[in-house]
Amino acid sequence: MAAKTRMQKVLDLAGQFVTERKGVWSHDDWEGFLAKAAALGVAMDDESKRCLGNILESCKGLRVDSEEAAPAKKPAKTRAETKK
């Protein structure tokens, strides 16, 4: 198996971060995430921080366990066939 790229490691880190916190985190959590990303070799300039924030927000929107917490939607009603 090929070694993971830096991007794959960052995405894994982001997914784990969002999942563990159930989509809610504090500024201290955010700074901890940035430190871990920096340890992976991500530059900590404004552009990288903005990208990392966007990744976290996207992961939050895609959380699978959020679907479990949301009430199930009822299927749409079908129209009755009209008589000809």
PDB file of N, CA and C in Angstrom:
ATOM      1  N   MET A   1       0.846  -1.177   0.000  1.00  0.00           N
ATOM      2  CA  MET A   1       0.000   0.000   0.000  1.00  0.00           C
ATOM      3  C   MET A   1       0.893   1.243   0.000  1.00  0.00           C
ATOM      4  N   ALA A   2       0.536   2.196  -0.807  1.00  0.00           N
ATOM      5  CA  ALA A   2       1.314   3.429  -0.907  1.00  0.00           C
ATOM      6  C   ALA A   2       1.151   4.272   0.354  1.00  0.00           C
ATOM      7  N   ALA A   3       2.188   5.003   0.680  1.00  0.00           N
ATOM      8  CA  ALA A   3       2.126   5.897   1.838  1.00  0.00           C
ATOM      9  C   ALA A   3       1.100   6.993   1.573  1.00  0.00           C
ATOM     10  N   LYS A   4       0.444   7.435   2.630  1.00  0.00           N
ATOM     11  CA  LYS A   4      -0.544   8.494   2.486  1.00  0.00           C
ATOM     12  C   LYS A   4       0.145   9.818   2.189  1.00  0.00           C
ATOM     13  N   THR A   5      -0.497  10.596   1.354  1.00  0.00           N
ATOM     14  CA  THR A   5       0.006  11.930   1.065  1.00  0.00           C
ATOM     15  C   THR A   5      -0.342  12.862   2.227  1.00  0.00           C
ATOM     16  N   ARG A   6       0.279  14.023   2.238  1.00  0.00           N
ATOM     17  CA  ARG A   6      -0.033  15.007   3.270  1.00  0.00           C
ATOM     18  C   ARG A   6      -1.521  15.371   3.233  1.00  0.00           C
ATOM     19  N   MET A   7      -2.059  15.519   2.036  1.00  0.00           N
ATOM     20  CA  MET A   7      -3.466  15.868   1.900  1.00  0.00           C
ATOM     21  C   MET A   7      -4.352  14.776   2.508  1.00  0.00           C
ATOM     22  N   GLN A   8      -4.044  13.512   2.252  1.00  0.00           N
ATOM     23  CA  GLN A   8      -4.836  12.421   2.815  1.00  0.00           C
ATOM     24  C   GLN A   8      -4.766  12.426   4.343  1.00  0.00           C
ATOM     25  N   LYS A   9      -3.590  12.709   4.872  1.00  0.00           N
ATOM     26  CA  LYS A   9      -3.432  12.758   6.324  1.00  0.00           C
ATOM     27  C   LYS A   9      -4.242  13.908   6.917  1.00  0.00           C
ATOM     28  N   VAL A  10      -4.240  15.062   6.256  1.00  0.00           N
ATOM     29  CA  VAL A  10      -5.005  16.215   6.741  1.00  0.00           C
ATOM     30  C   VAL A  10      -6.498  15.918   6.690  1.00  0.00           C
ATOM     31  N   LEU A  11      -6.950  15.288   5.606  1.00  0.00           N
ATOM     32  CA  LEU A  11      -8.369  14.948   5.502  1.00  0.00           C
ATOM     33  C   LEU A  11      -8.776  13.934   6.560  1.00  0.00           C
ATOM     34  N   ASP A  12      -7.917  12.959   6.833  1.00  0.00           N
ATOM     35  CA  ASP A  12      -8.184  12.000   7.917  1.00  0.00           C
ATOM     36  C   ASP A  12      -8.278  12.724   9.255  1.00  0.00           C
ATOM     37  N   LEU A  13      -7.334  13.634   9.495  1.00  0.00           N
ATOM     38  CA  LEU A  13      -7.312  14.408  10.731  1.00  0.00           C
ATOM     39  C   LEU A  13      -8.589  15.225  10.868  1.00  0.00           C
ATOM     40  N   ALA A  14      -9.010  15.865   9.791  1.00  0.00           N
ATOM     41  CA  ALA A  14     -10.217  16.692   9.817  1.00  0.00           C
ATOM     42  C   ALA A  14     -11.453  15.839  10.086  1.00  0.00           C
ATOM     43  N   GLY A  15     -11.565  14.713   9.426  1.00  0.00           N
ATOM     44  CA  GLY A  15     -12.713  13.830   9.646  1.00  0.00           C
ATOM     45  C   GLY A  15     -12.787  13.341  11.075  1.00  0.00           C
ATOM     46  N   GLN A  16     -11.648  12.966  11.620  1.00  0.00           N
ATOM     47  CA  GLN A  16     -11.587  12.496  13.004  1.00  0.00           C
ATOM     48  C   GLN A  16     -11.949  13.631  13.961  1.00  0.00           C
ATOM     49  N   PHE A  17     -11.425  14.815  13.709  1.00  0.00           N
ATOM     50  CA  PHE A  17     -11.677  15.986  14.550  1.00  0.00           C
ATOM     51  C   PHE A  17     -13.173  16.295  14.615  1.00  0.00           C
ATOM     52  N   VAL A  18     -13.809  16.365  13.462  1.00  0.00           N
ATOM     53  CA  VAL A  18     -15.233  16.714  13.407  1.00  0.00           C
ATOM     54  C   VAL A  18     -16.089  15.607  14.022  1.00  0.00           C
ATOM     55  N   THR A  19     -15.753  14.363  13.737  1.00  0.00           N
ATOM     56  CA  THR A  19     -16.522  13.238  14.261  1.00  0.00           C
ATOM     57  C   THR A  19     -16.434  13.170  15.786  1.00  0.00           C
ATOM     58  N   GLU A  20     -15.227  13.309  16.329  1.00  0.00           N
ATOM     59  CA  GLU A  20     -15.053  13.237  17.782  1.00  0.00           C
ATOM     60  C   GLU A  20     -15.810  14.341  18.503  1.00  0.00           C
ATOM     61  N   ARG A  21     -15.921  15.495  17.870  1.00  0.00           N
ATOM     62  CA  ARG A  21     -16.572  16.642  18.508  1.00  0.00           C
ATOM     63  C   ARG A  21     -18.026  16.802  18.082  1.00  0.00           C
ATOM     64  N   LYS A  22     -18.506  15.844  17.300  1.00  0.00           N
ATOM     65  CA  LYS A  22     -19.889  15.857  16.808  1.00  0.00           C
ATOM     66  C   LYS A  22     -20.250  17.181  16.152  1.00  0.00           C
ATOM     67  N   GLY A  23     -19.297  17.740  15.426  1.00  0.00           N
ATOM     68  CA  GLY A  23     -19.538  18.952  14.661  1.00  0.00           C
ATOM     69  C   GLY A  23     -19.522  20.246  15.448  1.00  0.00           C
ATOM     70  N   VAL A  24     -19.083  20.196  16.692  1.00  0.00           N
ATOM     71  CA  VAL A  24     -19.044  21.407  17.529  1.00  0.00           C
ATOM     72  C   VAL A  24     -17.668  21.495  18.180  1.00  0.00           C
ATOM     73  N   TRP A  25     -17.020  22.656  18.030  1.00  0.00           N
ATOM     74  CA  TRP A  25     -15.702  22.812  18.648  1.00  0.00           C
ATOM     75  C   TRP A  25     -15.489  24.247  19.089  1.00  0.00           C
ATOM     76  N   SER A  26     -14.537  24.396  19.996  1.00  0.00           N
ATOM     77  CA  SER A  26     -14.188  25.711  20.551  1.00  0.00           C
ATOM     78  C   SER A  26     -12.967  26.268  19.811  1.00  0.00           C
ATOM     79  N   HIS A  27     -12.636  27.504  20.130  1.00  0.00           N
ATOM     80  CA  HIS A  27     -11.443  28.116  19.537  1.00  0.00           C
ATOM     81  C   HIS A  27     -10.183  27.354  19.964  1.00  0.00           C
ATOM     82  N   ASP A  28     -10.151  26.896  21.208  1.00  0.00           N
ATOM     83  CA  ASP A  28      -8.999  26.106  21.673  1.00  0.00           C
ATOM     84  C   ASP A  28      -8.884  24.804  20.880  1.00  0.00           C
ATOM     85  N   ASP A  29     -10.038  24.164  20.593  1.00  0.00           N
ATOM     86  CA  ASP A  29     -10.022  22.952  19.766  1.00  0.00           C
ATOM     87  C   ASP A  29      -9.453  23.269  18.384  1.00  0.00           C
ATOM     88  N   TRP A  30      -9.896  24.395  17.817  1.00  0.00           N
ATOM     89  CA  TRP A  30      -9.435  24.838  16.498  1.00  0.00           C
ATOM     90  C   TRP A  30      -7.914  25.024  16.507  1.00  0.00           C
ATOM     91  N   GLU A  31      -7.402  25.680  17.531  1.00  0.00           N
ATOM     92  CA  GLU A  31      -5.951  25.898  17.614  1.00  0.00           C
ATOM     93  C   GLU A  31      -5.206  24.574  17.756  1.00  0.00           C
ATOM     94  N   GLY A  32      -5.785  23.630  18.490  1.00  0.00           N
ATOM     95  CA  GLY A  32      -5.181  22.301  18.603  1.00  0.00           C
ATOM     96  C   GLY A  32      -5.153  21.583  17.266  1.00  0.00           C
ATOM     97  N   PHE A  33      -6.238  21.728  16.503  1.00  0.00           N
ATOM     98  CA  PHE A  33      -6.290  21.140  15.165  1.00  0.00           C
ATOM     99  C   PHE A  33      -5.201  21.742  14.276  1.00  0.00           C
ATOM    100  N   LEU A  34      -5.055  23.077  14.338  1.00  0.00           N
ATOM    101  CA  LEU A  34      -4.022  23.737  13.540  1.00  0.00           C
ATOM    102  C   LEU A  34      -2.629  23.232  13.910  1.00  0.00           C
ATOM    103  N   ALA A  35      -2.388  23.019  15.194  1.00  0.00           N
ATOM    104  CA  ALA A  35      -1.080  22.522  15.634  1.00  0.00           C
ATOM    105  C   ALA A  35      -0.816  21.124  15.069  1.00  0.00           C
ATOM    106  N   LYS A  36      -1.837  20.271  15.062  1.00  0.00           N
ATOM    107  CA  LYS A  36      -1.669  18.921  14.510  1.00  0.00           C
ATOM    108  C   LYS A  36      -1.438  18.971  13.002  1.00  0.00           C
ATOM    109  N   ALA A  37      -2.160  19.877  12.324  1.00  0.00           N
ATOM    110  CA  ALA A  37      -1.957  20.035  10.879  1.00  0.00           C
ATOM    111  C   ALA A  37      -0.547  20.547  10.596  1.00  0.00           C
ATOM    112  N   ALA A  38      -0.069  21.471  11.419  1.00  0.00           N
ATOM    113  CA  ALA A  38       1.290  21.995  11.260  1.00  0.00           C
ATOM    114  C   ALA A  38       2.317  20.879  11.443  1.00  0.00           C
ATOM    115  N   ALA A  39       2.054  19.964  12.384  1.00  0.00           N
ATOM    116  CA  ALA A  39       2.959  18.846  12.617  1.00  0.00           C
ATOM    117  C   ALA A  39       3.018  17.911  11.408  1.00  0.00           C
ATOM    118  N   LEU A  40       1.965  17.939  10.588  1.00  0.00           N
ATOM    119  CA  LEU A  40       1.958  17.137   9.366  1.00  0.00           C
ATOM    120  C   LEU A  40       2.690  17.836   8.218  1.00  0.00           C
ATOM    121  N   GLY A  41       3.100  19.094   8.453  1.00  0.00           N
ATOM    122  CA  GLY A  41       3.839  19.824   7.441  1.00  0.00           C
ATOM    123  C   GLY A  41       3.036  20.874   6.698  1.00  0.00           C
ATOM    124  N   VAL A  42       1.821  21.172   7.183  1.00  0.00           N
ATOM    125  CA  VAL A  42       1.001  22.198   6.545  1.00  0.00           C
ATOM    126  C   VAL A  42       1.503  23.565   6.996  1.00  0.00           C
ATOM    127  N   ALA A  43       1.713  24.456   6.032  1.00  0.00           N
ATOM    128  CA  ALA A  43       2.133  25.822   6.357  1.00  0.00           C
ATOM    129  C   ALA A  43       0.996  26.523   7.101  1.00  0.00           C
ATOM    130  N   MET A  44       1.331  27.321   8.085  1.00  0.00           N
ATOM    131  CA  MET A  44       0.297  27.996   8.870  1.00  0.00           C
ATOM    132  C   MET A  44       0.155  29.461   8.468  1.00  0.00           C
ATOM    133  N   ASP A  45      -0.004  29.691   7.171  1.00  0.00           N
ATOM    134  CA  ASP A  45      -0.292  31.045   6.701  1.00  0.00           C
ATOM    135  C   ASP A  45      -1.813  31.227   6.645  1.00  0.00           C
ATOM    136  N   ASP A  46      -2.248  32.451   6.382  1.00  0.00           N
ATOM    137  CA  ASP A  46      -3.681  32.745   6.387  1.00  0.00           C
ATOM    138  C   ASP A  46      -4.450  31.898   5.375  1.00  0.00           C
ATOM    139  N   GLU A  47      -3.881  31.695   4.198  1.00  0.00           N
ATOM    140  CA  GLU A  47      -4.559  30.905   3.164  1.00  0.00           C
ATOM    141  C   GLU A  47      -4.759  29.461   3.612  1.00  0.00           C
ATOM    142  N   SER A  48      -3.735  28.862   4.212  1.00  0.00           N
ATOM    143  CA  SER A  48      -3.850  27.484   4.693  1.00  0.00           C
ATOM    144  C   SER A  48      -4.875  27.376   5.806  1.00  0.00           C
ATOM    145  N   LYS A  49      -4.872  28.331   6.714  1.00  0.00           N
ATOM    146  CA  LYS A  49      -5.858  28.309   7.805  1.00  0.00           C
ATOM    147  C   LYS A  49      -7.275  28.425   7.257  1.00  0.00           C
ATOM    148  N   ARG A  50      -7.455  29.269   6.252  1.00  0.00           N
ATOM    149  CA  ARG A  50      -8.775  29.430   5.633  1.00  0.00           C
ATOM    150  C   ARG A  50      -9.203  28.117   4.976  1.00  0.00           C
ATOM    151  N   CYS A  51      -8.282  27.482   4.273  1.00  0.00           N
ATOM    152  CA  CYS A  51      -8.586  26.201   3.626  1.00  0.00           C
ATOM    153  C   CYS A  51      -8.918  25.122   4.657  1.00  0.00           C
ATOM    154  N   LEU A  52      -8.144  25.078   5.719  1.00  0.00           N
ATOM    155  CA  LEU A  52      -8.409  24.093   6.771  1.00  0.00           C
ATOM    156  C   LEU A  52      -9.770  24.333   7.420  1.00  0.00           C
ATOM    157  N   GLY A  53     -10.108  25.590   7.649  1.00  0.00           N
ATOM    158  CA  GLY A  53     -11.422  25.907   8.203  1.00  0.00           C
ATOM    159  C   GLY A  53     -12.533  25.472   7.270  1.00  0.00           C
ATOM    160  N   ASN A  54     -12.339  25.672   5.968  1.00  0.00           N
ATOM    161  CA  ASN A  54     -13.333  25.234   4.999  1.00  0.00           C
ATOM    162  C   ASN A  54     -13.471  23.717   4.975  1.00  0.00           C
ATOM    163  N   ILE A  55     -12.351  23.017   5.127  1.00  0.00           N
ATOM    164  CA  ILE A  55     -12.397  21.553   5.180  1.00  0.00           C
ATOM    165  C   ILE A  55     -13.214  21.104   6.386  1.00  0.00           C
ATOM    166  N   LEU A  56     -12.956  21.698   7.554  1.00  0.00           N
ATOM    167  CA  LEU A  56     -13.704  21.317   8.754  1.00  0.00           C
ATOM    168  C   LEU A  56     -15.193  21.591   8.585  1.00  0.00           C
ATOM    169  N   GLU A  57     -15.526  22.758   8.047  1.00  0.00           N
ATOM    170  CA  GLU A  57     -16.939  23.090   7.853  1.00  0.00           C
ATOM    171  C   GLU A  57     -17.598  22.140   6.857  1.00  0.00           C
ATOM    172  N   SER A  58     -16.866  21.745   5.822  1.00  0.00           N
ATOM    173  CA  SER A  58     -17.402  20.782   4.857  1.00  0.00           C
ATOM    174  C   SER A  58     -17.609  19.426   5.502  1.00  0.00           C
ATOM    175  N   CYS A  59     -16.653  19.000   6.312  1.00  0.00           N
ATOM    176  CA  CYS A  59     -16.797  17.725   7.028  1.00  0.00           C
ATOM    177  C   CYS A  59     -18.002  17.772   7.951  1.00  0.00           C
ATOM    178  N   LYS A  60     -18.190  18.910   8.595  1.00  0.00           N
ATOM    179  CA  LYS A  60     -19.336  19.059   9.496  1.00  0.00           C
ATOM    180  C   LYS A  60     -20.632  18.882   8.711  1.00  0.00           C
ATOM    181  N   GLY A  61     -20.695  19.431   7.517  1.00  0.00           N
ATOM    182  CA  GLY A  61     -21.887  19.297   6.696  1.00  0.00           C
ATOM    183  C   GLY A  61     -22.112  17.892   6.174  1.00  0.00           C
ATOM    184  N   LEU A  62     -21.058  17.099   6.108  1.00  0.00           N
ATOM    185  CA  LEU A  62     -21.147  15.739   5.570  1.00  0.00           C
ATOM    186  C   LEU A  62     -21.183  14.656   6.643  1.00  0.00           C
ATOM    187  N   ARG A  63     -21.228  15.059   7.890  1.00  0.00           N
ATOM    188  CA  ARG A  63     -21.194  14.067   8.974  1.00  0.00           C
ATOM    189  C   ARG A  63     -22.290  13.030   8.810  1.00  0.00           C
ATOM    190  N   VAL A  64     -21.904  11.774   8.833  1.00  0.00           N
ATOM    191  CA  VAL A  64     -22.866  10.678   8.705  1.00  0.00           C
ATOM    192  C   VAL A  64     -23.713  10.566   9.958  1.00  0.00           C
ATOM    193  N   ASP A  65     -23.097  10.741  11.127  1.00  0.00           N
ATOM    194  CA  ASP A  65     -23.857  10.560  12.363  1.00  0.00           C
ATOM    195  C   ASP A  65     -24.871  11.677  12.575  1.00  0.00           C
ATOM    196  N   SER A  66     -24.767  12.792  11.830  1.00  0.00           N
ATOM    197  CA  SER A  66     -25.772  13.834  11.946  1.00  0.00           C
ATOM    198  C   SER A  66     -27.077  13.363  11.326  1.00  0.00           C
ATOM    199  N   GLU A  67     -26.978  12.460  10.346  1.00  0.00           N
ATOM    200  CA  GLU A  67     -28.179  11.904   9.739  1.00  0.00           C
ATOM    201  C   GLU A  67     -28.922  11.028  10.738  1.00  0.00           C
ATOM    202  N   GLU A  68     -28.176  10.352  11.601  1.00  0.00           N
ATOM    203  CA  GLU A  68     -28.813   9.504  12.604  1.00  0.00           C
ATOM    204  C   GLU A  68     -29.567  10.345  13.622  1.00  0.00           C
ATOM    205  N   ALA A  69     -29.037  11.534  13.913  1.00  0.00           N
ATOM    206  CA  ALA A  69     -29.664  12.395  14.906  1.00  0.00           C
ATOM    207  C   ALA A  69     -30.879  13.120  14.336  1.00  0.00           C
ATOM    208  N   ALA A  70     -30.893  13.327  13.034  1.00  0.00           N
ATOM    209  CA  ALA A  70     -32.002  14.048  12.413  1.00  0.00           C
ATOM    210  C   ALA A  70     -33.212  13.133  12.299  1.00  0.00           C
ATOM    211  N   PRO A  71     -34.407  13.680  12.486  1.00  0.00           N
ATOM    212  CA  PRO A  71     -35.591  12.839  12.340  1.00  0.00           C
ATOM    213  C   PRO A  71     -35.729  12.368  10.897  1.00  0.00           C
ATOM    214  N   ALA A  72     -36.194  11.156  10.756  1.00  0.00           N
ATOM    215  CA  ALA A  72     -36.355  10.599   9.419  1.00  0.00           C
ATOM    216  C   ALA A  72     -37.466  11.334   8.679  1.00  0.00           C
ATOM    217  N   LYS A  73     -37.212  11.601   7.415  1.00  0.00           N
ATOM    218  CA  LYS A  73     -38.216  12.267   6.597  1.00  0.00           C
ATOM    219  C   LYS A  73     -39.211  11.232   6.092  1.00  0.00           C
ATOM    220  N   LYS A  74     -40.472  11.625   6.066  1.00  0.00           N
ATOM    221  CA  LYS A  74     -41.496  10.738   5.539  1.00  0.00           C
ATOM    222  C   LYS A  74     -41.413  10.762   4.020  1.00  0.00           C
ATOM    223  N   PRO A  75     -41.669   9.626   3.404  1.00  0.00           N
ATOM    224  CA  PRO A  75     -41.636   9.629   1.940  1.00  0.00           C
ATOM    225  C   PRO A  75     -42.747  10.517   1.379  1.00  0.00           C
ATOM    226  N   ALA A  76     -42.481  11.097   0.238  1.00  0.00           N
ATOM    227  CA  ALA A  76     -43.471  11.969  -0.391  1.00  0.00           C
ATOM    228  C   ALA A  76     -44.697  11.153  -0.788  1.00  0.00           C
ATOM    229  N   LYS A  77     -45.855  11.777  -0.666  1.00  0.00           N
ATOM    230  CA  LYS A  77     -47.091  11.102  -1.062  1.00  0.00           C
ATOM    231  C   LYS A  77     -47.146  11.028  -2.588  1.00  0.00           C
ATOM    232  N   THR A  78     -47.653   9.930  -3.064  1.00  0.00           N
ATOM    233  CA  THR A  78     -47.814   9.799  -4.510  1.00  0.00           C
ATOM    234  C   THR A  78     -49.231  10.181  -4.888  1.00  0.00           C
ATOM    235  N   ARG A  79     -49.367  10.699  -6.047  1.00  0.00           N
ATOM    236  CA  ARG A  79     -50.690  11.076  -6.533  1.00  0.00           C
ATOM    237  C   ARG A  79     -51.461   9.838  -6.974  1.00  0.00           C
ATOM    238  N   ALA A  80     -52.722   9.855  -6.709  1.00  0.00           N
ATOM    239  CA  ALA A  80     -53.556   8.757  -7.171  1.00  0.00           C
ATOM    240  C   ALA A  80     -53.726   8.905  -8.678  1.00  0.00           C
ATOM    241  N   GLU A  81     -53.789   7.760  -9.342  1.00  0.00           N
ATOM    242  CA  GLU A  81     -53.969   7.811 -10.789  1.00  0.00           C
ATOM    243  C   GLU A  81     -55.353   8.360 -11.112  1.00  0.00           C
ATOM    244  N   THR A  82     -55.408   9.174 -12.129  1.00  0.00           N
ATOM    245  CA  THR A  82     -56.698   9.709 -12.554  1.00  0.00           C
ATOM    246  C   THR A  82     -57.380   8.714 -13.479  1.00  0.00           C
ATOM    247  N   LYS A  83     -58.682   8.664 -13.363  1.00  0.00           N
ATOM    248  CA  LYS A  83     -59.435   7.748 -14.231  1.00  0.00           C
ATOM    249  C   LYS A  83     -59.625   8.391 -15.587  1.00  0.00           C
ATOM    250  N   LYS A  84     -59.496   7.593 -16.610  1.00  0.00           N
ATOM    251  CA  LYS A  84     -59.662   8.083 -17.980  1.00  0.00           C
ATOM    252  C   LYS A  84     -61.012   7.716 -18.515  1.00  0.00           C
TER     253      LYS A  84
END
